[in-house]
Amino acid sequence: MFSGTTTTTRRRRRMPAPDSAAGKVLADLKTDQQTMDAAEAAKLAHVLAWCELHITTDPRSGETWGDVPVQLGGQGCPWIREFTITELASTLRLSLPAARSLVSDVLELAFRLPRLWARVQAGEVRAWRARRVADQTQSLSLEAASFVDAQVAGFADTMGATAVERLVEDAVARFMPDLAQTEREAAAEQRRFTIDRDHVSFAGTSSIEGVLDLADAIDLDTAIAQIATQLKDLGYGDLSLDARRAMAAGVLARDHLGLPPTQPPIPLDDLQPRAVDETPAVAPNEDPDRASQRPVGARGRRDLMLYLHLSADDVLSLEGHGNPVLAPQTLREWLDIPDHTHLTVRPVVDLNCDLTSSGRFASDLQREQITLRDRTCAAPFCERPARHLDLDHITEFDDTGPPGQTRSTNLAPLCRHHHRAKTFTTWDCQQLLPGVFLWEAPHGLHYLTYAGRTIDLN
């Protein structure tokens, strides 16, 4: 008999059998994660053991000449010998900044956050979470760091980054009321704005990274957002917002330099640049006469360096037998280079040619050749761009020796740290071929480096 009510039957979902293929994959993944977490904790312990073998009790000791002692981590952490970090970095396949960060975090945990360190070694807190806390506490006093350690140790594996930052701010307010002003003053020196011109992608893009004052960052973001919106209205709505914001940065730059908008692909009739100012700008309190002596072309002109990959015969055939010189105006027409761009044409640099200088210092051509050949610091896993680095004589330069010691096959671009490490320690380097270097670390590990790459031979 129909009662006028409806009974709903909820179908119970079938759970996969524990021994199913999917269940096994998840179980294996969980085991892998546990293994990786344990390995990371063990790695931190090994880094600590390495540091403890190289503690310098007296930073002024003569035995550390050339190997400047450093104190990484916060107040109370021990001093260690600087070049021990160099060998540690290559062993772990890290850049030097990454290795210094690792050592700083380990010393901070072991000597100033002992509760948190104990939980990491017991497998109760993952290493990356502990390192996140250690990175935040290194500027704190011992008392403030101990407070953070007591508060965070029991919850570090569940606390987010914001919670850790607030806890550190609380410690500063409780124990270090003068630190806030000091940090504000120090922050002014940490501002930077870097455009990576040495690592250009195949598509012709480069990366920008910076730290700005908040007010400057807000103003820049507002200007970029407004121009990106105008670009959308001018017919670039098919591009993503990120792409239009990137284009907007170029619009800002060309407007400041007095350059016309790029055509093509951006005919921005509604975003006309300011008139070109041929007079060098004078900075506040700057002598106008000195300003007038600055190189012309900083405003209203773009500098372009062109390496000509053509032989003399090729140039002759292109221009005709009666005129063997390839005129700059011809290149402008071929490449559609506008007149406001200052064009410099150089022959292509032969990267395999063994150029020689008579004295200790490399010529400008040698420096350009080695910069293009090696790209970065030639030391293992170092990522510093080669331009403006030291040019080290692989075989030490002898003032009383024969001429020709400063040749391309005896030069390597090294950052100042790796230059000092090679000079003052038992690091050894050989150049097997132009731009191919074989390194031996003090404890016998070997690496092959070339064109910004490193091969671990161990």
Protein backbone atom coordinates (compact mmCIF):
# COMPACT_ATOMS: atom_id res chain seq x y z
CA MET A 1 0.00 0.00 0.00
CA PHE A 2 1.32 3.44 -0.95
CA SER A 3 1.95 5.46 2.18
CA GLY A 4 2.89 8.79 0.58
CA THR A 5 6.44 8.73 1.86
CA THR A 6 9.68 8.14 -0.01
CA THR A 7 12.56 6.09 1.27
CA THR A 8 16.01 6.95 -0.05
CA THR A 9 18.62 4.25 -0.07
CA ARG A 10 22.23 5.59 -0.02
CA ARG A 11 24.51 3.36 -2.00
CA ARG A 12 27.65 2.58 -0.10
CA ARG A 13 30.82 3.31 -2.05
CA ARG A 14 33.00 0.37 -2.67
CA MET A 15 36.45 0.94 -1.20
CA PRO A 16 39.42 -0.50 -3.09
CA ALA A 17 40.90 -3.62 -1.66
CA PRO A 18 44.04 -2.99 0.42
CA ASP A 19 46.08 -5.12 -1.94
CA SER A 20 44.89 -3.36 -5.10
CA ALA A 21 47.41 -1.85 -7.51
CA ALA A 22 46.40 1.71 -6.53
CA GLY A 23 46.70 0.93 -2.84
CA LYS A 24 50.16 -0.52 -3.37
CA VAL A 25 51.32 2.60 -5.23
CA LEU A 26 50.16 4.81 -2.36
CA ALA A 27 51.84 2.56 0.19
CA ASP A 28 55.08 2.68 -1.79
CA LEU A 29 54.85 6.47 -2.04
CA LYS A 30 54.37 6.76 1.71
CA THR A 31 57.42 4.57 2.30
CA ASP A 32 59.43 6.65 -0.17
CA GLN A 33 58.44 9.87 1.60
CA GLN A 34 59.39 8.47 4.97
CA THR A 35 62.76 7.37 3.54
CA MET A 36 63.35 10.81 2.04
CA ASP A 37 62.44 12.56 5.31
CA ALA A 38 64.84 10.33 7.23
CA ALA A 39 67.57 10.96 4.64
CA GLU A 40 67.11 14.73 4.91
CA ALA A 41 67.42 14.55 8.70
CA ALA A 42 70.56 12.43 8.33
CA LYS A 43 71.98 14.92 5.82
CA LEU A 44 71.58 17.74 8.33
CA ALA A 45 73.38 15.64 10.95
CA HIS A 46 76.25 14.95 8.54
CA VAL A 47 76.52 18.65 7.68
CA LEU A 48 76.77 19.40 11.40
CA ALA A 49 79.49 16.77 11.80
CA TRP A 50 81.43 18.33 8.89
CA CYS A 51 81.16 21.78 10.46
CA GLU A 52 82.27 20.53 13.87
CA LEU A 53 85.43 19.14 12.25
CA HIS A 54 86.31 22.63 11.03
CA ILE A 55 85.41 24.88 13.95
CA THR A 56 87.90 27.70 14.51
CA THR A 57 88.16 28.53 18.19
CA ASP A 58 90.18 31.70 17.56
CA PRO A 59 88.97 33.58 14.46
CA ARG A 60 92.19 35.64 14.51
CA SER A 61 94.45 32.60 14.46
CA GLY A 62 97.30 32.75 11.96
CA GLU A 63 96.52 29.23 10.77
CA THR A 64 93.43 30.55 9.02
CA TRP A 65 95.37 33.02 6.82
CA GLY A 66 93.60 33.16 3.48
CA ASP A 67 90.71 31.10 4.86
CA VAL A 68 88.56 33.77 6.50
CA PRO A 69 86.59 32.40 9.49
CA VAL A 70 82.84 32.93 9.24
CA GLN A 71 80.08 32.77 11.81
CA LEU A 72 76.94 31.44 10.17
CA GLY A 73 73.71 31.17 12.09
CA GLY A 74 72.92 33.52 14.95
CA GLN A 75 74.69 34.68 18.09
CA GLY A 76 76.29 31.76 19.90
CA CYS A 77 76.98 29.62 16.83
CA PRO A 78 80.63 28.62 16.39
CA TRP A 79 83.06 30.09 13.87
CA ILE A 80 84.03 27.74 11.06
CA ARG A 81 86.62 27.95 8.29
CA GLU A 82 85.17 29.49 5.18
CA PHE A 83 86.63 27.18 2.55
CA THR A 84 85.17 24.08 4.19
CA ILE A 85 81.84 25.34 2.82
CA THR A 86 83.36 25.33 -0.68
CA GLU A 87 84.06 21.61 -0.63
CA LEU A 88 80.74 20.86 1.03
CA ALA A 89 78.92 22.77 -1.73
CA SER A 90 80.53 20.78 -4.54
CA THR A 91 79.93 17.47 -2.73
CA LEU A 92 76.21 18.24 -2.41
CA ARG A 93 76.04 19.76 -5.93
CA LEU A 94 74.98 23.11 -4.53
CA SER A 95 75.89 26.65 -5.44
CA LEU A 96 77.93 28.46 -2.81
CA PRO A 97 74.98 30.63 -1.60
CA ALA A 98 72.81 27.51 -1.24
CA ALA A 99 75.54 25.74 0.74
CA ARG A 100 76.03 28.74 3.04
CA SER A 101 72.28 28.82 3.65
CA LEU A 102 72.29 25.10 4.50
CA VAL A 103 75.20 25.47 6.94
CA SER A 104 73.58 28.52 8.55
CA ASP A 105 70.34 26.65 9.12
CA VAL A 106 72.08 23.57 10.53
CA LEU A 107 74.18 25.57 12.99
CA GLU A 108 71.15 27.63 14.01
CA LEU A 109 69.15 24.48 14.73
CA ALA A 110 71.90 22.60 16.53
CA PHE A 111 73.20 25.44 18.71
CA ARG A 112 70.23 27.79 19.18
CA LEU A 113 67.08 25.73 18.56
CA PRO A 114 67.99 22.44 20.30
CA ARG A 115 64.39 21.33 20.96
CA LEU A 116 63.48 21.65 17.31
CA TRP A 117 66.75 19.99 16.27
CA ALA A 118 66.00 17.00 18.53
CA ARG A 119 62.55 16.56 16.98
CA VAL A 120 64.06 16.63 13.47
CA GLN A 121 66.57 13.94 14.38
CA ALA A 122 63.80 11.88 16.00
CA GLY A 123 61.84 11.97 12.73
CA GLU A 124 58.99 13.99 14.24
CA VAL A 125 59.54 17.20 12.23
CA ARG A 126 60.54 17.32 8.59
CA ALA A 127 63.83 18.99 7.83
CA TRP A 128 62.46 21.61 5.44
CA ARG A 129 59.99 22.86 8.05
CA ALA A 130 62.74 23.16 10.66
CA ARG A 131 64.96 25.02 8.21
CA ARG A 132 62.14 27.48 7.55
CA VAL A 133 62.08 28.32 11.26
CA ALA A 134 65.89 28.52 11.47
CA ASP A 135 66.00 30.96 8.58
CA GLN A 136 63.67 33.30 10.50
CA THR A 137 65.50 33.24 13.85
CA GLN A 138 69.13 33.93 12.91
CA SER A 139 68.88 37.65 13.66
CA LEU A 140 67.41 37.05 17.12
CA SER A 141 69.22 37.18 20.43
CA LEU A 142 69.87 33.94 22.29
CA GLU A 143 66.97 34.68 24.64
CA ALA A 144 64.56 35.43 21.79
CA ALA A 145 65.66 32.35 19.84
CA SER A 146 65.16 30.16 22.91
CA PHE A 147 61.64 31.57 23.28
CA VAL A 148 60.82 30.69 19.67
CA ASP A 149 62.33 27.22 20.10
CA ALA A 150 60.15 26.53 23.15
CA GLN A 151 57.01 27.73 21.40
CA VAL A 152 57.52 26.12 18.00
CA ALA A 153 59.12 22.75 18.77
CA GLY A 154 55.84 20.96 19.52
CA PHE A 155 54.00 22.35 16.49
CA ALA A 156 56.63 22.93 13.80
CA ASP A 157 55.33 20.16 11.54
CA THR A 158 51.92 21.81 11.27
CA MET A 159 52.74 25.53 11.46
CA GLY A 160 52.55 27.59 8.30
CA ALA A 161 55.05 30.23 7.24
CA THR A 162 52.83 33.09 8.41
CA ALA A 163 52.48 31.61 11.90
CA VAL A 164 56.26 31.27 12.18
CA GLU A 165 56.77 34.89 11.08
CA ARG A 166 54.28 36.12 13.69
CA LEU A 167 55.97 34.11 16.41
CA VAL A 168 59.34 35.63 15.49
CA GLU A 169 57.79 39.13 15.53
CA ASP A 170 56.41 38.38 19.00
CA ALA A 171 59.89 37.33 20.17
CA VAL A 172 61.36 40.56 18.81
CA ALA A 173 58.71 42.64 20.59
CA ARG A 174 59.30 40.78 23.89
CA PHE A 175 63.09 40.59 23.98
CA MET A 176 64.52 42.91 21.31
CA PRO A 177 62.51 46.13 21.09
CA ASP A 178 65.40 47.96 19.41
CA LEU A 179 65.78 45.37 16.64
CA ALA A 180 62.82 46.60 14.60
CA GLN A 181 64.49 49.94 13.91
CA THR A 182 67.80 48.24 13.13
CA GLU A 183 66.09 45.88 10.68
CA ARG A 184 64.36 48.79 8.98
CA GLU A 185 67.71 50.50 8.50
CA ALA A 186 69.32 47.29 7.26
CA ALA A 187 66.45 46.68 4.84
CA ALA A 188 67.40 49.83 2.94
CA GLU A 189 70.74 48.21 2.04
CA GLN A 190 69.04 45.02 0.91
CA ARG A 191 67.07 46.71 -1.84
CA ARG A 192 68.03 45.57 -5.31
CA PHE A 193 66.67 45.32 -8.83
CA THR A 194 68.49 42.84 -11.06
CA ILE A 195 67.97 42.05 -14.74
CA ASP A 196 69.72 38.85 -15.81
CA ARG A 197 71.20 39.81 -19.17
CA ASP A 198 73.67 36.92 -19.24
CA HIS A 199 71.05 34.15 -19.38
CA VAL A 200 68.70 34.89 -22.26
CA SER A 201 66.20 32.23 -23.29
CA PHE A 202 65.93 30.90 -26.84
CA ALA A 203 62.77 33.00 -27.21
CA GLY A 204 64.68 36.16 -26.26
CA THR A 205 63.42 36.63 -22.71
CA SER A 206 65.33 37.32 -19.50
CA SER A 207 64.46 37.26 -15.81
CA ILE A 208 64.05 40.19 -13.43
CA GLU A 209 64.28 39.95 -9.64
CA GLY A 210 64.17 42.71 -7.06
CA VAL A 211 63.50 43.90 -3.54
CA LEU A 212 61.90 47.37 -3.36
CA ASP A 213 60.50 49.70 -0.76
CA LEU A 214 56.80 48.99 -0.33
CA ALA A 215 55.79 52.43 -1.62
CA ASP A 216 57.98 52.04 -4.71
CA ALA A 217 56.65 48.53 -5.30
CA ILE A 218 53.04 49.70 -5.07
CA ASP A 219 53.65 52.59 -7.48
CA LEU A 220 55.42 50.30 -9.95
CA ASP A 221 52.65 47.72 -9.72
CA THR A 222 49.99 50.39 -10.26
CA ALA A 223 51.76 51.77 -13.34
CA ILE A 224 52.27 48.28 -14.79
CA ALA A 225 48.62 47.39 -14.16
CA GLN A 226 47.36 50.57 -15.85
CA ILE A 227 49.50 50.08 -18.95
CA ALA A 228 48.55 46.39 -19.13
CA THR A 229 44.88 47.43 -19.16
CA GLN A 230 45.54 49.92 -21.95
CA LEU A 231 47.31 47.21 -23.93
CA LYS A 232 44.20 45.07 -23.67
CA ASP A 233 42.09 47.95 -25.02
CA LEU A 234 44.56 48.46 -27.87
CA GLY A 235 44.01 44.97 -29.21
CA TYR A 236 46.20 42.72 -27.07
CA GLY A 237 43.37 41.10 -25.14
CA ASP A 238 44.30 37.70 -26.57
CA LEU A 239 47.48 37.79 -24.46
CA SER A 240 47.49 36.75 -20.83
CA LEU A 241 47.62 39.37 -18.10
CA ASP A 242 51.16 38.29 -17.21
CA ALA A 243 52.29 38.75 -20.81
CA ARG A 244 50.73 42.22 -20.98
CA ARG A 245 52.33 43.20 -17.66
CA ALA A 246 55.72 42.14 -19.05
CA MET A 247 55.10 44.25 -22.15
CA ALA A 248 54.10 47.16 -19.92
CA ALA A 249 57.53 47.15 -18.26
CA GLY A 250 59.08 47.70 -21.68
CA VAL A 251 56.69 50.57 -22.36
CA LEU A 252 57.76 52.24 -19.11
CA ALA A 253 61.43 51.83 -19.96
CA ARG A 254 61.12 53.22 -23.49
CA ASP A 255 59.07 56.15 -22.22
CA HIS A 256 61.79 57.05 -19.70
CA LEU A 257 64.58 56.69 -22.28
CA GLY A 258 62.70 58.73 -24.86
CA LEU A 259 62.62 55.80 -27.29
CA PRO A 260 59.72 55.32 -29.67
CA PRO A 261 57.32 52.41 -29.05
CA THR A 262 58.40 49.10 -30.55
CA GLN A 263 56.93 48.62 -34.02
CA PRO A 264 56.04 45.89 -34.62
CA PRO A 265 54.54 44.28 -32.61
CA ILE A 266 53.36 47.10 -30.31
CA PRO A 267 52.11 50.18 -32.18
CA LEU A 268 50.96 52.03 -29.08
CA ASP A 269 49.60 55.26 -30.56
CA ASP A 270 47.88 56.10 -27.30
CA LEU A 271 51.07 55.67 -25.25
CA GLN A 272 53.38 58.24 -26.82
CA PRO A 273 56.80 58.62 -25.19
CA ARG A 274 58.18 61.92 -23.98
CA ALA A 275 60.25 63.98 -26.39
CA VAL A 276 63.85 62.87 -26.77
CA ASP A 277 66.16 64.91 -24.54
CA GLU A 278 69.62 65.12 -26.06
CA THR A 279 71.05 66.87 -22.97
CA PRO A 280 72.43 64.46 -20.33
CA ALA A 281 70.28 64.57 -17.21
CA VAL A 282 71.90 66.22 -14.19
CA ALA A 283 71.46 64.44 -10.88
CA PRO A 284 70.79 66.45 -7.70
CA ASN A 285 73.98 68.10 -6.36
CA GLU A 286 75.91 66.99 -9.45
CA ASP A 287 78.32 69.30 -11.22
CA PRO A 288 76.71 70.18 -14.60
CA ASP A 289 80.15 70.16 -16.25
CA ARG A 290 80.73 66.57 -15.08
CA ALA A 291 77.27 65.60 -16.25
CA SER A 292 78.01 66.98 -19.70
CA GLN A 293 81.07 64.71 -19.90
CA ARG A 294 79.07 61.53 -19.36
CA PRO A 295 78.78 59.30 -22.46
CA VAL A 296 76.14 60.52 -24.88
CA GLY A 297 73.38 58.05 -25.58
CA ALA A 298 72.17 57.25 -22.08
CA ARG A 299 68.84 58.80 -23.04
CA GLY A 300 67.19 58.67 -26.43
CA ARG A 301 69.47 55.93 -27.73
CA ARG A 302 69.69 52.15 -27.43
CA ASP A 303 73.12 50.48 -27.62
CA LEU A 304 73.34 47.26 -29.66
CA MET A 305 76.38 45.02 -30.02
CA LEU A 306 76.32 42.85 -33.16
CA TYR A 307 78.77 39.98 -33.68
CA LEU A 308 79.19 39.41 -37.40
CA HIS A 309 79.41 35.68 -38.21
CA LEU A 310 80.67 36.29 -41.75
CA SER A 311 84.06 35.80 -43.30
CA ALA A 312 85.72 38.47 -45.39
CA ASP A 313 84.80 36.53 -48.56
CA ASP A 314 81.17 36.42 -47.50
CA VAL A 315 81.13 40.16 -46.96
CA LEU A 316 82.78 40.71 -50.35
CA SER A 317 80.20 38.58 -52.15
CA LEU A 318 77.35 40.37 -50.41
CA GLU A 319 78.57 43.89 -51.22
CA GLY A 320 80.09 43.31 -54.60
CA HIS A 321 83.70 43.22 -55.70
CA GLY A 322 83.91 46.97 -55.97
CA ASN A 323 82.96 47.66 -52.33
CA PRO A 324 84.33 45.13 -49.83
CA VAL A 325 83.04 47.02 -46.77
CA LEU A 326 79.65 46.17 -45.31
CA ALA A 327 78.19 49.56 -44.49
CA PRO A 328 76.38 49.97 -41.13
CA GLN A 329 73.42 51.51 -42.94
CA THR A 330 73.11 48.31 -44.98
CA LEU A 331 72.93 46.29 -41.78
CA ARG A 332 70.29 48.66 -40.42
CA GLU A 333 68.16 48.11 -43.50
CA TRP A 334 68.60 44.32 -43.45
CA LEU A 335 67.85 43.97 -39.75
CA ASP A 336 65.29 46.79 -39.51
CA ILE A 337 67.34 48.56 -36.82
CA PRO A 338 65.96 52.05 -36.09
CA ASP A 339 68.23 55.10 -36.33
CA HIS A 340 68.06 55.84 -32.59
CA THR A 341 69.86 52.54 -31.88
CA HIS A 342 73.65 52.87 -31.63
CA LEU A 343 75.10 49.95 -33.58
CA THR A 344 78.52 48.42 -32.87
CA VAL A 345 79.70 45.68 -35.26
CA ARG A 346 82.39 43.26 -34.13
CA PRO A 347 83.83 40.18 -35.78
CA VAL A 348 82.73 36.98 -34.10
CA VAL A 349 85.06 35.92 -31.31
CA ASP A 350 86.75 32.57 -31.94
CA LEU A 351 86.18 30.76 -28.64
CA ASN A 352 88.86 28.13 -29.40
CA CYS A 353 91.63 30.52 -30.35
CA ASP A 354 94.47 30.69 -27.81
CA LEU A 355 94.86 34.46 -27.46
CA THR A 356 97.90 35.78 -25.61
CA SER A 357 98.67 38.98 -23.67
CA SER A 358 102.18 40.12 -22.90
CA GLY A 359 101.65 41.05 -19.25
CA ARG A 360 99.80 39.74 -16.21
CA PHE A 361 96.37 41.08 -17.18
CA ALA A 362 94.13 39.80 -19.94
CA SER A 363 93.21 42.02 -22.88
CA ASP A 364 89.66 43.21 -23.44
CA LEU A 365 89.33 40.74 -26.31
CA GLN A 366 90.52 37.87 -24.11
CA ARG A 367 88.03 38.81 -21.39
CA GLU A 368 85.20 38.92 -23.93
CA GLN A 369 86.30 35.57 -25.39
CA ILE A 370 86.45 33.84 -22.00
CA THR A 371 83.15 35.35 -20.89
CA LEU A 372 81.43 33.95 -23.98
CA ARG A 373 83.30 30.65 -23.75
CA ASP A 374 82.76 29.80 -20.08
CA ARG A 375 79.52 31.72 -19.28
CA THR A 376 79.80 31.28 -15.50
CA CYS A 377 82.43 30.87 -12.81
CA ALA A 378 84.43 27.81 -13.84
CA ALA A 379 84.29 26.25 -10.34
CA PRO A 380 81.98 23.24 -9.77
CA PHE A 381 78.29 24.15 -9.47
CA CYS A 382 78.97 27.90 -9.22
CA GLU A 383 76.35 29.92 -11.07
CA ARG A 384 77.91 33.39 -10.96
CA PRO A 385 77.92 34.92 -14.49
CA ALA A 386 81.43 35.08 -15.93
CA ARG A 387 81.25 38.73 -16.93
CA HIS A 388 83.21 40.93 -14.45
CA LEU A 389 84.62 37.95 -12.49
CA ASP A 390 88.33 37.48 -11.76
CA LEU A 391 90.39 35.89 -14.53
CA ASP A 392 92.60 33.41 -12.72
CA HIS A 393 95.88 32.03 -14.07
CA ILE A 394 95.42 28.26 -13.78
CA THR A 395 99.18 27.90 -13.64
CA GLU A 396 100.24 30.70 -11.31
CA PHE A 397 101.69 33.75 -13.03
CA ASP A 398 105.42 34.12 -12.48
CA ASP A 399 106.72 37.69 -12.68
CA THR A 400 110.16 36.35 -13.63
CA GLY A 401 108.80 33.74 -16.02
CA PRO A 402 108.61 33.68 -19.81
CA PRO A 403 106.16 35.79 -21.84
CA GLY A 404 102.84 34.34 -22.94
CA GLN A 405 101.65 33.14 -19.52
CA THR A 406 98.43 35.14 -19.88
CA ARG A 407 96.89 33.07 -22.64
CA SER A 408 93.32 31.87 -23.06
CA THR A 409 94.18 28.25 -22.27
CA ASN A 410 95.69 29.36 -18.93
CA LEU A 411 92.77 31.55 -17.82
CA ALA A 412 89.53 30.69 -16.04
CA PRO A 413 86.79 33.02 -14.82
CA LEU A 414 86.39 32.59 -11.06
CA CYS A 415 84.26 34.43 -8.54
CA ARG A 416 86.31 35.97 -5.75
CA HIS A 417 85.48 33.16 -3.30
CA HIS A 418 86.55 30.32 -5.61
CA HIS A 419 89.58 32.33 -6.74
CA ARG A 420 90.72 32.59 -3.11
CA ALA A 421 89.91 28.93 -2.44
CA LYS A 422 92.05 27.82 -5.38
CA THR A 423 94.88 30.14 -4.32
CA PHE A 424 94.99 29.40 -0.59
CA THR A 425 93.88 25.75 -0.36
CA THR A 426 94.63 22.49 -2.13
CA TRP A 427 91.89 22.81 -4.76
CA ASP A 428 93.51 21.95 -8.11
CA CYS A 429 92.35 22.89 -11.61
CA GLN A 430 93.49 21.90 -15.10
CA GLN A 431 92.15 23.11 -18.44
CA LEU A 432 91.92 20.02 -20.63
CA LEU A 433 90.52 21.80 -23.70
CA PRO A 434 89.52 25.44 -24.25
CA GLY A 435 86.82 26.02 -21.63
CA VAL A 436 86.89 22.45 -20.23
CA PHE A 437 88.21 22.27 -16.66
CA LEU A 438 89.08 19.28 -14.47
CA TRP A 439 88.87 20.06 -10.74
CA GLU A 440 90.17 18.05 -7.79
CA ALA A 441 88.79 18.95 -4.34
CA PRO A 442 91.00 18.82 -1.23
CA HIS A 443 89.61 15.40 -0.24
CA GLY A 444 90.04 13.87 -3.69
CA LEU A 445 86.65 14.36 -5.36
CA HIS A 446 86.74 15.23 -9.07
CA TYR A 447 84.52 17.43 -11.25
CA LEU A 448 84.46 18.43 -14.90
CA THR A 449 83.12 21.90 -15.72
CA TYR A 450 82.42 23.56 -19.06
CA ALA A 451 80.15 26.35 -20.35
CA GLY A 452 78.34 26.75 -17.03
CA ARG A 453 77.80 23.00 -16.52
CA THR A 454 79.29 20.59 -13.99
CA ILE A 455 79.75 16.82 -14.28
CA ASP A 456 80.31 14.95 -11.02
CA LEU A 457 82.98 12.34 -11.81
CA ASN A 458 82.84 10.57 -8.44
